[in-house]
Amino acid sequence: MSIKPDHFLLICETCEGHIRAESMHQTLAQKLPDGFAIRTVNCMAGCERPTTVGFQAEGKAQYLFGDILSDQDMDALVEFASQFRDSEDGWTNATQRPSALFDKTLARLPRFAQEDSL
């Protein structure tokens, strides 16, 4: 029985970094925890720091990471995916994230909940 994804890893398909979106998608699809789906998206405005990826889930903080350059970086994304999925609101401090992502965080947006729009 497959689990319907409710967490998403976004990969910029227009980035021209060391790791292209298609290759990153193939590698990460094998490693991400249950509940995750990968979406390739058009430009996330991290052009100066390719390859750019994001994390989203309803009711959780959102993250944008750049300079994803190596297998070590992708392993850190997988580690963060578990951390993100297991957190109640998605909020993590820089020191809680995998060390390989410490200086790769481009943005953290606060969670947006349905009640916030009322």
PDB file of N, CA and C in Angstrom:
ATOM      1  N   MET A   1       0.847  -1.185   0.000  1.00  0.00           N
ATOM      2  CA  MET A   1       0.000   0.000   0.000  1.00  0.00           C
ATOM      3  C   MET A   1       0.884   1.238   0.000  1.00  0.00           C
ATOM      4  N   SER A   2       0.682   2.115  -0.949  1.00  0.00           N
ATOM      5  CA  SER A   2       1.511   3.307  -1.010  1.00  0.00           C
ATOM      6  C   SER A   2       0.869   4.432  -0.202  1.00  0.00           C
ATOM      7  N   ILE A   3       1.717   5.290   0.310  1.00  0.00           N
ATOM      8  CA  ILE A   3       1.278   6.423   1.107  1.00  0.00           C
ATOM      9  C   ILE A   3       1.136   7.629   0.191  1.00  0.00           C
ATOM     10  N   LYS A   4      -0.009   8.308   0.297  1.00  0.00           N
ATOM     11  CA  LYS A   4      -0.211   9.513  -0.503  1.00  0.00           C
ATOM     12  C   LYS A   4       0.746  10.588   0.004  1.00  0.00           C
ATOM     13  N   PRO A   5       1.541  11.173  -0.876  1.00  0.00           N
ATOM     14  CA  PRO A   5       2.504  12.175  -0.416  1.00  0.00           C
ATOM     15  C   PRO A   5       1.822  13.434   0.110  1.00  0.00           C
ATOM     16  N   ASP A   6       2.359  13.949   1.211  1.00  0.00           N
ATOM     17  CA  ASP A   6       1.889  15.215   1.760  1.00  0.00           C
ATOM     18  C   ASP A   6       3.043  16.168   2.032  1.00  0.00           C
ATOM     19  N   HIS A   7       4.245  15.736   1.663  1.00  0.00           N
ATOM     20  CA  HIS A   7       5.450  16.550   1.747  1.00  0.00           C
ATOM     21  C   HIS A   7       6.090  16.541   0.361  1.00  0.00           C
ATOM     22  N   PHE A   8       6.683  17.677   0.003  1.00  0.00           N
ATOM     23  CA  PHE A   8       7.205  17.799  -1.351  1.00  0.00           C
ATOM     24  C   PHE A   8       8.609  18.380  -1.353  1.00  0.00           C
ATOM     25  N   LEU A   9       9.462  17.775  -2.162  1.00  0.00           N
ATOM     26  CA  LEU A   9      10.786  18.311  -2.441  1.00  0.00           C
ATOM     27  C   LEU A   9      10.710  18.883  -3.850  1.00  0.00           C
ATOM     28  N   LEU A  10      11.017  20.155  -3.972  1.00  0.00           N
ATOM     29  CA  LEU A  10      10.969  20.842  -5.258  1.00  0.00           C
ATOM     30  C   LEU A  10      12.376  20.960  -5.817  1.00  0.00           C
ATOM     31  N   ILE A  11      12.537  20.677  -7.078  1.00  0.00           N
ATOM     32  CA  ILE A  11      13.833  20.800  -7.743  1.00  0.00           C
ATOM     33  C   ILE A  11      13.679  21.772  -8.906  1.00  0.00           C
ATOM     34  N   CYS A  12      14.536  22.776  -8.938  1.00  0.00           N
ATOM     35  CA  CYS A  12      14.506  23.741 -10.033  1.00  0.00           C
ATOM     36  C   CYS A  12      15.005  23.069 -11.313  1.00  0.00           C
ATOM     37  N   GLU A  13      14.149  23.055 -12.325  1.00  0.00           N
ATOM     38  CA  GLU A  13      14.520  22.407 -13.583  1.00  0.00           C
ATOM     39  C   GLU A  13      15.305  23.321 -14.510  1.00  0.00           C
ATOM     40  N   THR A  14      15.383  24.609 -14.180  1.00  0.00           N
ATOM     41  CA  THR A  14      16.127  25.523 -15.039  1.00  0.00           C
ATOM     42  C   THR A  14      17.533  25.801 -14.523  1.00  0.00           C
ATOM     43  N   CYS A  15      17.847  25.352 -13.314  1.00  0.00           N
ATOM     44  CA  CYS A  15      19.203  25.544 -12.772  1.00  0.00           C
ATOM     45  C   CYS A  15      20.227  24.819 -13.649  1.00  0.00           C
ATOM     46  N   GLU A  16      21.351  25.452 -13.807  1.00  0.00           N
ATOM     47  CA  GLU A  16      22.441  24.861 -14.584  1.00  0.00           C
ATOM     48  C   GLU A  16      23.644  24.623 -13.685  1.00  0.00           C
ATOM     49  N   GLY A  17      23.399  23.927 -12.583  1.00  0.00           N
ATOM     50  CA  GLY A  17      24.449  23.642 -11.618  1.00  0.00           C
ATOM     51  C   GLY A  17      25.185  22.349 -11.929  1.00  0.00           C
ATOM     52  N   HIS A  18      25.990  21.910 -10.970  1.00  0.00           N
ATOM     53  CA  HIS A  18      26.770  20.685 -11.132  1.00  0.00           C
ATOM     54  C   HIS A  18      25.883  19.452 -11.274  1.00  0.00           C
ATOM     55  N   ILE A  19      24.731  19.477 -10.613  1.00  0.00           N
ATOM     56  CA  ILE A  19      23.801  18.358 -10.689  1.00  0.00           C
ATOM     57  C   ILE A  19      22.519  18.865 -11.353  1.00  0.00           C
ATOM     58  N   ARG A  20      22.169  18.269 -12.453  1.00  0.00           N
ATOM     59  CA  ARG A  20      20.968  18.690 -13.178  1.00  0.00           C
ATOM     60  C   ARG A  20      19.724  18.096 -12.526  1.00  0.00           C
ATOM     61  N   ALA A  21      18.591  18.725 -12.771  1.00  0.00           N
ATOM     62  CA  ALA A  21      17.322  18.344 -12.137  1.00  0.00           C
ATOM     63  C   ALA A  21      16.979  16.877 -12.375  1.00  0.00           C
ATOM     64  N   GLU A  22      17.127  16.400 -13.587  1.00  0.00           N
ATOM     65  CA  GLU A  22      16.757  15.015 -13.899  1.00  0.00           C
ATOM     66  C   GLU A  22      17.604  14.023 -13.101  1.00  0.00           C
ATOM     67  N   SER A  23      18.891  14.261 -13.042  1.00  0.00           N
ATOM     68  CA  SER A  23      19.789  13.387 -12.289  1.00  0.00           C
ATOM     69  C   SER A  23      19.471  13.442 -10.789  1.00  0.00           C
ATOM     70  N   MET A  24      19.227  14.660 -10.290  1.00  0.00           N
ATOM     71  CA  MET A  24      18.895  14.824  -8.877  1.00  0.00           C
ATOM     72  C   MET A  24      17.589  14.095  -8.565  1.00  0.00           C
ATOM     73  N   HIS A  25      16.611  14.227  -9.439  1.00  0.00           N
ATOM     74  CA  HIS A  25      15.323  13.564  -9.248  1.00  0.00           C
ATOM     75  C   HIS A  25      15.507  12.054  -9.147  1.00  0.00           C
ATOM     76  N   GLN A  26      16.266  11.478 -10.064  1.00  0.00           N
ATOM     77  CA  GLN A  26      16.486  10.029 -10.075  1.00  0.00           C
ATOM     78  C   GLN A  26      17.166   9.559  -8.794  1.00  0.00           C
ATOM     79  N   THR A  27      18.167  10.294  -8.346  1.00  0.00           N
ATOM     80  CA  THR A  27      18.902   9.913  -7.144  1.00  0.00           C
ATOM     81  C   THR A  27      18.040  10.037  -5.897  1.00  0.00           C
ATOM     82  N   LEU A  28      17.366  11.167  -5.742  1.00  0.00           N
ATOM     83  CA  LEU A  28      16.597  11.411  -4.524  1.00  0.00           C
ATOM     84  C   LEU A  28      15.330  10.572  -4.442  1.00  0.00           C
ATOM     85  N   ALA A  29      14.732  10.230  -5.567  1.00  0.00           N
ATOM     86  CA  ALA A  29      13.504   9.438  -5.566  1.00  0.00           C
ATOM     87  C   ALA A  29      13.715   8.089  -4.877  1.00  0.00           C
ATOM     88  N   GLN A  30      14.914   7.563  -4.953  1.00  0.00           N
ATOM     89  CA  GLN A  30      15.232   6.274  -4.345  1.00  0.00           C
ATOM     90  C   GLN A  30      15.450   6.376  -2.835  1.00  0.00           C
ATOM     91  N   LYS A  31      15.692   7.584  -2.330  1.00  0.00           N
ATOM     92  CA  LYS A  31      16.156   7.748  -0.956  1.00  0.00           C
ATOM     93  C   LYS A  31      15.205   8.502  -0.028  1.00  0.00           C
ATOM     94  N   LEU A  32      14.282   9.274  -0.562  1.00  0.00           N
ATOM     95  CA  LEU A  32      13.420  10.098   0.282  1.00  0.00           C
ATOM     96  C   LEU A  32      12.514   9.238   1.155  1.00  0.00           C
ATOM     97  N   PRO A  33      12.175   9.726   2.347  1.00  0.00           N
ATOM     98  CA  PRO A  33      11.296   8.956   3.234  1.00  0.00           C
ATOM     99  C   PRO A  33       9.868   8.886   2.690  1.00  0.00           C
ATOM    100  N   ASP A  34       9.093   7.945   3.229  1.00  0.00           N
ATOM    101  CA  ASP A  34       7.687   7.830   2.856  1.00  0.00           C
ATOM    102  C   ASP A  34       6.974   9.153   3.089  1.00  0.00           C
ATOM    103  N   GLY A  35       6.007   9.418   2.246  1.00  0.00           N
ATOM    104  CA  GLY A  35       5.226  10.636   2.382  1.00  0.00           C
ATOM    105  C   GLY A  35       5.729  11.779   1.524  1.00  0.00           C
ATOM    106  N   PHE A  36       6.868  11.580   0.861  1.00  0.00           N
ATOM    107  CA  PHE A  36       7.447  12.623   0.015  1.00  0.00           C
ATOM    108  C   PHE A  36       7.208  12.341  -1.458  1.00  0.00           C
ATOM    109  N   ALA A  37       7.008  13.408  -2.203  1.00  0.00           N
ATOM    110  CA  ALA A  37       6.992  13.357  -3.659  1.00  0.00           C
ATOM    111  C   ALA A  37       7.942  14.448  -4.148  1.00  0.00           C
ATOM    112  N   ILE A  38       8.475  14.244  -5.319  1.00  0.00           N
ATOM    113  CA  ILE A  38       9.376  15.223  -5.926  1.00  0.00           C
ATOM    114  C   ILE A  38       8.631  15.927  -7.049  1.00  0.00           C
ATOM    115  N   ARG A  39       8.763  17.228  -7.059  1.00  0.00           N
ATOM    116  CA  ARG A  39       8.196  18.034  -8.138  1.00  0.00           C
ATOM    117  C   ARG A  39       9.318  18.862  -8.757  1.00  0.00           C
ATOM    118  N   THR A  40       9.427  18.831 -10.066  1.00  0.00           N
ATOM    119  CA  THR A  40      10.341  19.751 -10.733  1.00  0.00           C
ATOM    120  C   THR A  40       9.534  20.993 -11.057  1.00  0.00           C
ATOM    121  N   VAL A  41      10.143  22.127 -10.811  1.00  0.00           N
ATOM    122  CA  VAL A  41       9.449  23.402 -11.004  1.00  0.00           C
ATOM    123  C   VAL A  41      10.329  24.330 -11.824  1.00  0.00           C
ATOM    124  N   ASN A  42       9.701  25.295 -12.422  1.00  0.00           N
ATOM    125  CA  ASN A  42      10.412  26.297 -13.204  1.00  0.00           C
ATOM    126  C   ASN A  42      10.938  27.376 -12.269  1.00  0.00           C
ATOM    127  N   CYS A  43      12.149  27.705 -12.356  1.00  0.00           N
ATOM    128  CA  CYS A  43      12.880  28.729 -11.621  1.00  0.00           C
ATOM    129  C   CYS A  43      12.330  29.130 -10.249  1.00  0.00           C
ATOM    130  N   MET A  44      13.157  28.947  -9.233  1.00  0.00           N
ATOM    131  CA  MET A  44      12.843  29.390  -7.877  1.00  0.00           C
ATOM    132  C   MET A  44      13.708  30.583  -7.476  1.00  0.00           C
ATOM    133  N   ALA A  45      14.306  31.246  -8.449  1.00  0.00           N
ATOM    134  CA  ALA A  45      15.081  32.473  -8.260  1.00  0.00           C
ATOM    135  C   ALA A  45      16.328  32.274  -7.401  1.00  0.00           C
ATOM    136  N   GLY A  46      16.904  31.086  -7.447  1.00  0.00           N
ATOM    137  CA  GLY A  46      18.175  30.830  -6.775  1.00  0.00           C
ATOM    138  C   GLY A  46      19.294  30.717  -7.790  1.00  0.00           C
ATOM    139  N   CYS A  47      19.168  31.422  -8.879  1.00  0.00           N
ATOM    140  CA  CYS A  47      20.053  31.277 -10.044  1.00  0.00           C
ATOM    141  C   CYS A  47      21.536  31.463  -9.716  1.00  0.00           C
ATOM    142  N   GLU A  48      21.840  32.302  -8.763  1.00  0.00           N
ATOM    143  CA  GLU A  48      23.236  32.538  -8.396  1.00  0.00           C
ATOM    144  C   GLU A  48      23.819  31.381  -7.590  1.00  0.00           C
ATOM    145  N   ARG A  49      22.958  30.450  -7.128  1.00  0.00           N
ATOM    146  CA  ARG A  49      23.423  29.355  -6.276  1.00  0.00           C
ATOM    147  C   ARG A  49      22.776  28.023  -6.671  1.00  0.00           C
ATOM    148  N   PRO A  50      22.968  27.602  -7.930  1.00  0.00           N
ATOM    149  CA  PRO A  50      22.357  26.354  -8.386  1.00  0.00           C
ATOM    150  C   PRO A  50      23.043  25.127  -7.771  1.00  0.00           C
ATOM    151  N   THR A  51      22.452  24.071  -7.698  1.00  0.00           N
ATOM    152  CA  THR A  51      21.073  23.778  -8.029  1.00  0.00           C
ATOM    153  C   THR A  51      20.216  24.083  -6.802  1.00  0.00           C
ATOM    154  N   THR A  52      19.041  24.649  -7.027  1.00  0.00           N
ATOM    155  CA  THR A  52      18.157  25.081  -5.963  1.00  0.00           C
ATOM    156  C   THR A  52      17.061  24.047  -5.729  1.00  0.00           C
ATOM    157  N   VAL A  53      16.795  23.767  -4.446  1.00  0.00           N
ATOM    158  CA  VAL A  53      15.714  22.851  -4.074  1.00  0.00           C
ATOM    159  C   VAL A  53      14.896  23.478  -2.954  1.00  0.00           C
ATOM    160  N   GLY A  54      13.653  23.051  -2.840  1.00  0.00           N
ATOM    161  CA  GLY A  54      12.781  23.552  -1.790  1.00  0.00           C
ATOM    162  C   GLY A  54      12.047  22.415  -1.105  1.00  0.00           C
ATOM    163  N   PHE A  55      11.543  22.698   0.081  1.00  0.00           N
ATOM    164  CA  PHE A  55      10.718  21.761   0.839  1.00  0.00           C
ATOM    165  C   PHE A  55       9.412  22.438   1.178  1.00  0.00           C
ATOM    166  N   GLN A  56       8.299  21.722   0.972  1.00  0.00           N
ATOM    167  CA  GLN A  56       6.973  22.246   1.279  1.00  0.00           C
ATOM    168  C   GLN A  56       6.109  21.163   1.903  1.00  0.00           C
ATOM    169  N   ALA A  57       5.230  21.587   2.797  1.00  0.00           N
ATOM    170  CA  ALA A  57       4.157  20.743   3.327  1.00  0.00           C
ATOM    171  C   ALA A  57       3.131  21.685   3.936  1.00  0.00           C
ATOM    172  N   GLU A  58       1.887  21.324   3.837  1.00  0.00           N
ATOM    173  CA  GLU A  58       0.833  22.174   4.381  1.00  0.00           C
ATOM    174  C   GLU A  58       1.023  22.357   5.885  1.00  0.00           C
ATOM    175  N   GLY A  59       0.937  23.602   6.336  1.00  0.00           N
ATOM    176  CA  GLY A  59       1.040  23.910   7.750  1.00  0.00           C
ATOM    177  C   GLY A  59       2.453  23.883   8.306  1.00  0.00           C
ATOM    178  N   LYS A  60       3.448  23.839   7.423  1.00  0.00           N
ATOM    179  CA  LYS A  60       4.847  23.806   7.867  1.00  0.00           C
ATOM    180  C   LYS A  60       5.638  24.942   7.235  1.00  0.00           C
ATOM    181  N   ALA A  61       6.709  25.323   7.917  1.00  0.00           N
ATOM    182  CA  ALA A  61       7.643  26.277   7.332  1.00  0.00           C
ATOM    183  C   ALA A  61       8.134  25.704   6.004  1.00  0.00           C
ATOM    184  N   GLN A  62       8.498  26.580   5.091  1.00  0.00           N
ATOM    185  CA  GLN A  62       9.034  26.160   3.802  1.00  0.00           C
ATOM    186  C   GLN A  62      10.510  26.546   3.732  1.00  0.00           C
ATOM    187  N   TYR A  63      11.291  25.752   3.032  1.00  0.00           N
ATOM    188  CA  TYR A  63      12.731  25.983   2.942  1.00  0.00           C
ATOM    189  C   TYR A  63      13.172  26.022   1.501  1.00  0.00           C
ATOM    190  N   LEU A  64      14.214  26.812   1.270  1.00  0.00           N
ATOM    191  CA  LEU A  64      14.862  26.882  -0.030  1.00  0.00           C
ATOM    192  C   LEU A  64      16.363  26.749   0.210  1.00  0.00           C
ATOM    193  N   PHE A  65      16.965  25.773  -0.449  1.00  0.00           N
ATOM    194  CA  PHE A  65      18.395  25.537  -0.344  1.00  0.00           C
ATOM    195  C   PHE A  65      19.035  25.701  -1.718  1.00  0.00           C
ATOM    196  N   GLY A  66      20.266  26.196  -1.736  1.00  0.00           N
ATOM    197  CA  GLY A  66      21.009  26.348  -2.978  1.00  0.00           C
ATOM    198  C   GLY A  66      22.397  25.763  -2.854  1.00  0.00           C
ATOM    199  N   ASP A  67      23.148  25.817  -3.938  1.00  0.00           N
ATOM    200  CA  ASP A  67      24.508  25.262  -3.996  1.00  0.00           C
ATOM    201  C   ASP A  67      24.525  23.762  -3.729  1.00  0.00           C
ATOM    202  N   ILE A  68      23.540  23.045  -4.241  1.00  0.00           N
ATOM    203  CA  ILE A  68      23.540  21.592  -4.106  1.00  0.00           C
ATOM    204  C   ILE A  68      24.469  21.063  -5.197  1.00  0.00           C
ATOM    205  N   LEU A  69      25.650  20.641  -4.759  1.00  0.00           N
ATOM    206  CA  LEU A  69      26.745  20.370  -5.695  1.00  0.00           C
ATOM    207  C   LEU A  69      27.233  18.923  -5.709  1.00  0.00           C
ATOM    208  N   SER A  70      26.890  18.143  -4.674  1.00  0.00           N
ATOM    209  CA  SER A  70      27.546  16.839  -4.536  1.00  0.00           C
ATOM    210  C   SER A  70      26.596  15.788  -3.977  1.00  0.00           C
ATOM    211  N   ASP A  71      27.071  14.549  -3.981  1.00  0.00           N
ATOM    212  CA  ASP A  71      26.316  13.461  -3.365  1.00  0.00           C
ATOM    213  C   ASP A  71      26.159  13.715  -1.871  1.00  0.00           C
ATOM    214  N   GLN A  72      27.155  14.296  -1.241  1.00  0.00           N
ATOM    215  CA  GLN A  72      27.072  14.626   0.185  1.00  0.00           C
ATOM    216  C   GLN A  72      25.926  15.614   0.429  1.00  0.00           C
ATOM    217  N   ASP A  73      25.780  16.594  -0.435  1.00  0.00           N
ATOM    218  CA  ASP A  73      24.678  17.550  -0.316  1.00  0.00           C
ATOM    219  C   ASP A  73      23.335  16.842  -0.478  1.00  0.00           C
ATOM    220  N   MET A  74      23.249  15.931  -1.431  1.00  0.00           N
ATOM    221  CA  MET A  74      21.983  15.212  -1.637  1.00  0.00           C
ATOM    222  C   MET A  74      21.675  14.310  -0.442  1.00  0.00           C
ATOM    223  N   ASP A  75      22.688  13.689   0.148  1.00  0.00           N
ATOM    224  CA  ASP A  75      22.471  12.897   1.361  1.00  0.00           C
ATOM    225  C   ASP A  75      21.954  13.782   2.493  1.00  0.00           C
ATOM    226  N   ALA A  76      22.458  15.004   2.576  1.00  0.00           N
ATOM    227  CA  ALA A  76      21.992  15.951   3.597  1.00  0.00           C
ATOM    228  C   ALA A  76      20.532  16.331   3.336  1.00  0.00           C
ATOM    229  N   LEU A  77      20.138  16.458   2.080  1.00  0.00           N
ATOM    230  CA  LEU A  77      18.741  16.741   1.756  1.00  0.00           C
ATOM    231  C   LEU A  77      17.830  15.603   2.215  1.00  0.00           C
ATOM    232  N   VAL A  78      18.279  14.379   2.027  1.00  0.00           N
ATOM    233  CA  VAL A  78      17.501  13.215   2.464  1.00  0.00           C
ATOM    234  C   VAL A  78      17.374  13.215   3.990  1.00  0.00           C
ATOM    235  N   GLU A  79      18.473  13.513   4.678  1.00  0.00           N
ATOM    236  CA  GLU A  79      18.440  13.593   6.134  1.00  0.00           C
ATOM    237  C   GLU A  79      17.479  14.703   6.589  1.00  0.00           C
ATOM    238  N   PHE A  80      17.557  15.857   5.923  1.00  0.00           N
ATOM    239  CA  PHE A  80      16.660  16.954   6.264  1.00  0.00           C
ATOM    240  C   PHE A  80      15.207  16.581   5.978  1.00  0.00           C
ATOM    241  N   ALA A  81      14.953  15.839   4.907  1.00  0.00           N
ATOM    242  CA  ALA A  81      13.587  15.434   4.564  1.00  0.00           C
ATOM    243  C   ALA A  81      12.948  14.667   5.711  1.00  0.00           C
ATOM    244  N   SER A  82      13.688  13.765   6.327  1.00  0.00           N
ATOM    245  CA  SER A  82      13.164  13.020   7.478  1.00  0.00           C
ATOM    246  C   SER A  82      12.906  13.957   8.646  1.00  0.00           C
ATOM    247  N   GLN A  83      13.833  14.842   8.891  1.00  0.00           N
ATOM    248  CA  GLN A  83      13.700  15.817   9.975  1.00  0.00           C
ATOM    249  C   GLN A  83      12.466  16.696   9.734  1.00  0.00           C
ATOM    250  N   PHE A  84      12.317  17.178   8.536  1.00  0.00           N
ATOM    251  CA  PHE A  84      11.204  18.043   8.158  1.00  0.00           C
ATOM    252  C   PHE A  84       9.874  17.296   8.301  1.00  0.00           C
ATOM    253  N   ARG A  85       9.816  16.098   7.781  1.00  0.00           N
ATOM    254  CA  ARG A  85       8.584  15.294   7.849  1.00  0.00           C
ATOM    255  C   ARG A  85       8.173  15.024   9.294  1.00  0.00           C
ATOM    256  N   ASP A  86       9.144  14.743  10.146  1.00  0.00           N
ATOM    257  CA  ASP A  86       8.855  14.372  11.527  1.00  0.00           C
ATOM    258  C   ASP A  86       8.561  15.561  12.436  1.00  0.00           C
ATOM    259  N   SER A  87       8.795  16.769  11.960  1.00  0.00           N
ATOM    260  CA  SER A  87       8.548  17.949  12.787  1.00  0.00           C
ATOM    261  C   SER A  87       7.078  18.363  12.678  1.00  0.00           C
ATOM    262  N   GLU A  88       6.581  18.953  13.742  1.00  0.00           N
ATOM    263  CA  GLU A  88       5.176  19.361  13.760  1.00  0.00           C
ATOM    264  C   GLU A  88       4.912  20.556  12.852  1.00  0.00           C
ATOM    265  N   ASP A  89       5.806  21.548  12.891  1.00  0.00           N
ATOM    266  CA  ASP A  89       5.587  22.780  12.129  1.00  0.00           C
ATOM    267  C   ASP A  89       6.673  23.061  11.095  1.00  0.00           C
ATOM    268  N   GLY A  90       7.624  22.141  10.942  1.00  0.00           N
ATOM    269  CA  GLY A  90       8.681  22.290   9.951  1.00  0.00           C
ATOM    270  C   GLY A  90       9.829  23.188  10.377  1.00  0.00           C
ATOM    271  N   TRP A  91       9.675  23.863  11.500  1.00  0.00           N
ATOM    272  CA  TRP A  91      10.667  24.841  11.930  1.00  0.00           C
ATOM    273  C   TRP A  91      11.914  24.147  12.475  1.00  0.00           C
ATOM    274  N   THR A  92      13.066  24.489  11.918  1.00  0.00           N
ATOM    275  CA  THR A  92      14.346  24.018  12.452  1.00  0.00           C
ATOM    276  C   THR A  92      15.315  25.193  12.481  1.00  0.00           C
ATOM    277  N   ASN A  93      16.197  25.166  13.452  1.00  0.00           N
ATOM    278  CA  ASN A  93      17.276  26.147  13.506  1.00  0.00           C
ATOM    279  C   ASN A  93      18.417  25.650  12.634  1.00  0.00           C
ATOM    280  N   ALA A  94      19.253  26.559  12.202  1.00  0.00           N
ATOM    281  CA  ALA A  94      20.375  26.198  11.330  1.00  0.00           C
ATOM    282  C   ALA A  94      21.240  25.099  11.955  1.00  0.00           C
ATOM    283  N   THR A  95      21.424  25.152  13.259  1.00  0.00           N
ATOM    284  CA  THR A  95      22.283  24.165  13.928  1.00  0.00           C
ATOM    285  C   THR A  95      21.619  22.799  14.034  1.00  0.00           C
ATOM    286  N   GLN A  96      20.309  22.720  13.815  1.00  0.00           N
ATOM    287  CA  GLN A  96      19.614  21.441  13.853  1.00  0.00           C
ATOM    288  C   GLN A  96      19.644  20.734  12.503  1.00  0.00           C
ATOM    289  N   ARG A  97      19.829  21.480  11.450  1.00  0.00           N
ATOM    290  CA  ARG A  97      19.844  20.905  10.108  1.00  0.00           C
ATOM    291  C   ARG A  97      21.168  20.176   9.867  1.00  0.00           C
ATOM    292  N   PRO A  98      21.189  19.263   8.911  1.00  0.00           N
ATOM    293  CA  PRO A  98      22.449  18.593   8.576  1.00  0.00           C
ATOM    294  C   PRO A  98      23.548  19.625   8.283  1.00  0.00           C
ATOM    295  N   SER A  99      24.731  19.365   8.782  1.00  0.00           N
ATOM    296  CA  SER A  99      25.814  20.354   8.667  1.00  0.00           C
ATOM    297  C   SER A  99      26.138  20.715   7.221  1.00  0.00           C
ATOM    298  N   ALA A 100      25.953  19.790   6.288  1.00  0.00           N
ATOM    299  CA  ALA A 100      26.238  20.094   4.881  1.00  0.00           C
ATOM    300  C   ALA A 100      25.300  21.169   4.328  1.00  0.00           C
ATOM    301  N   LEU A 101      24.175  21.410   4.995  1.00  0.00           N
ATOM    302  CA  LEU A 101      23.227  22.428   4.539  1.00  0.00           C
ATOM    303  C   LEU A 101      23.368  23.741   5.295  1.00  0.00           C
ATOM    304  N   PHE A 102      24.265  23.799   6.248  1.00  0.00           N
ATOM    305  CA  PHE A 102      24.379  24.959   7.129  1.00  0.00           C
ATOM    306  C   PHE A 102      24.484  26.270   6.361  1.00  0.00           C
ATOM    307  N   ASP A 103      25.358  26.332   5.369  1.00  0.00           N
ATOM    308  CA  ASP A 103      25.543  27.589   4.627  1.00  0.00           C
ATOM    309  C   ASP A 103      24.835  27.570   3.262  1.00  0.00           C
ATOM    310  N   LYS A 104      23.909  26.639   3.085  1.00  0.00           N
ATOM    311  CA  LYS A 104      23.187  26.505   1.822  1.00  0.00           C
ATOM    312  C   LYS A 104      21.726  26.935   1.927  1.00  0.00           C
ATOM    313  N   THR A 105      21.317  27.374   3.114  1.00  0.00           N
ATOM    314  CA  THR A 105      19.937  27.803   3.300  1.00  0.00           C
ATOM    315  C   THR A 105      19.754  29.181   2.680  1.00  0.00           C
ATOM    316  N   LEU A 106      18.877  29.268   1.690  1.00  0.00           N
ATOM    317  CA  LEU A 106      18.594  30.541   1.031  1.00  0.00           C
ATOM    318  C   LEU A 106      17.407  31.245   1.684  1.00  0.00           C
ATOM    319  N   ALA A 107      16.427  30.454   2.142  1.00  0.00           N
ATOM    320  CA  ALA A 107      15.243  31.058   2.763  1.00  0.00           C
ATOM    321  C   ALA A 107      14.503  30.036   3.612  1.00  0.00           C
ATOM    322  N   ARG A 108      13.882  30.550   4.656  1.00  0.00           N
ATOM    323  CA  ARG A 108      12.929  29.781   5.452  1.00  0.00           C
ATOM    324  C   ARG A 108      11.709  30.673   5.597  1.00  0.00           C
ATOM    325  N   LEU A 109      10.599  30.216   5.082  1.00  0.00           N
ATOM    326  CA  LEU A 109       9.352  30.973   5.160  1.00  0.00           C
ATOM    327  C   LEU A 109       8.487  30.371   6.254  1.00  0.00           C
ATOM    328  N   PRO A 110       7.846  31.203   7.065  1.00  0.00           N
ATOM    329  CA  PRO A 110       7.004  30.662   8.123  1.00  0.00           C
ATOM    330  C   PRO A 110       5.832  29.880   7.550  1.00  0.00           C
ATOM    331  N   ARG A 111       5.305  29.010   8.369  1.00  0.00           N
ATOM    332  CA  ARG A 111       4.167  28.195   7.930  1.00  0.00           C
ATOM    333  C   ARG A 111       2.979  29.092   7.632  1.00  0.00           C
ATOM    334  N   PHE A 112       2.153  28.641   6.730  1.00  0.00           N
ATOM    335  CA  PHE A 112       0.918  29.320   6.413  1.00  0.00           C
ATOM    336  C   PHE A 112      -0.193  28.326   6.688  1.00  0.00           C
ATOM    337  N   ALA A 113      -1.003  28.630   7.664  1.00  0.00           N
ATOM    338  CA  ALA A 113      -2.117  27.757   8.011  1.00  0.00           C
ATOM    339  C   ALA A 113      -3.421  28.378   7.528  1.00  0.00           C
ATOM    340  N   GLN A 114      -4.417  27.557   7.285  1.00  0.00           N
ATOM    341  CA  GLN A 114      -5.708  28.020   6.794  1.00  0.00           C
ATOM    342  C   GLN A 114      -6.283  29.109   7.688  1.00  0.00           C
ATOM    343  N   GLU A 115      -6.172  28.946   9.009  1.00  0.00           N
ATOM    344  CA  GLU A 115      -6.729  29.949   9.934  1.00  0.00           C
ATOM    345  C   GLU A 115      -6.002  31.282   9.837  1.00  0.00           C
ATOM    346  N   ASP A 116      -4.782  31.308   9.321  1.00  0.00           N
ATOM    347  CA  ASP A 116      -4.038  32.559   9.161  1.00  0.00           C
ATOM    348  C   ASP A 116      -4.660  33.459   8.094  1.00  0.00           C
ATOM    349  N   SER A 117      -5.433  32.906   7.193  1.00  0.00           N
ATOM    350  CA  SER A 117      -5.987  33.698   6.096  1.00  0.00           C
ATOM    351  C   SER A 117      -7.320  34.336   6.463  1.00  0.00           C
ATOM    352  N   LEU A 118      -7.845  34.047   7.630  1.00  0.00           N
ATOM    353  CA  LEU A 118      -9.151  34.619   8.038  1.00  0.00           C
ATOM    354  C   LEU A 118      -9.021  36.032   8.535  1.00  0.00           C
TER     355      LEU A 118
END
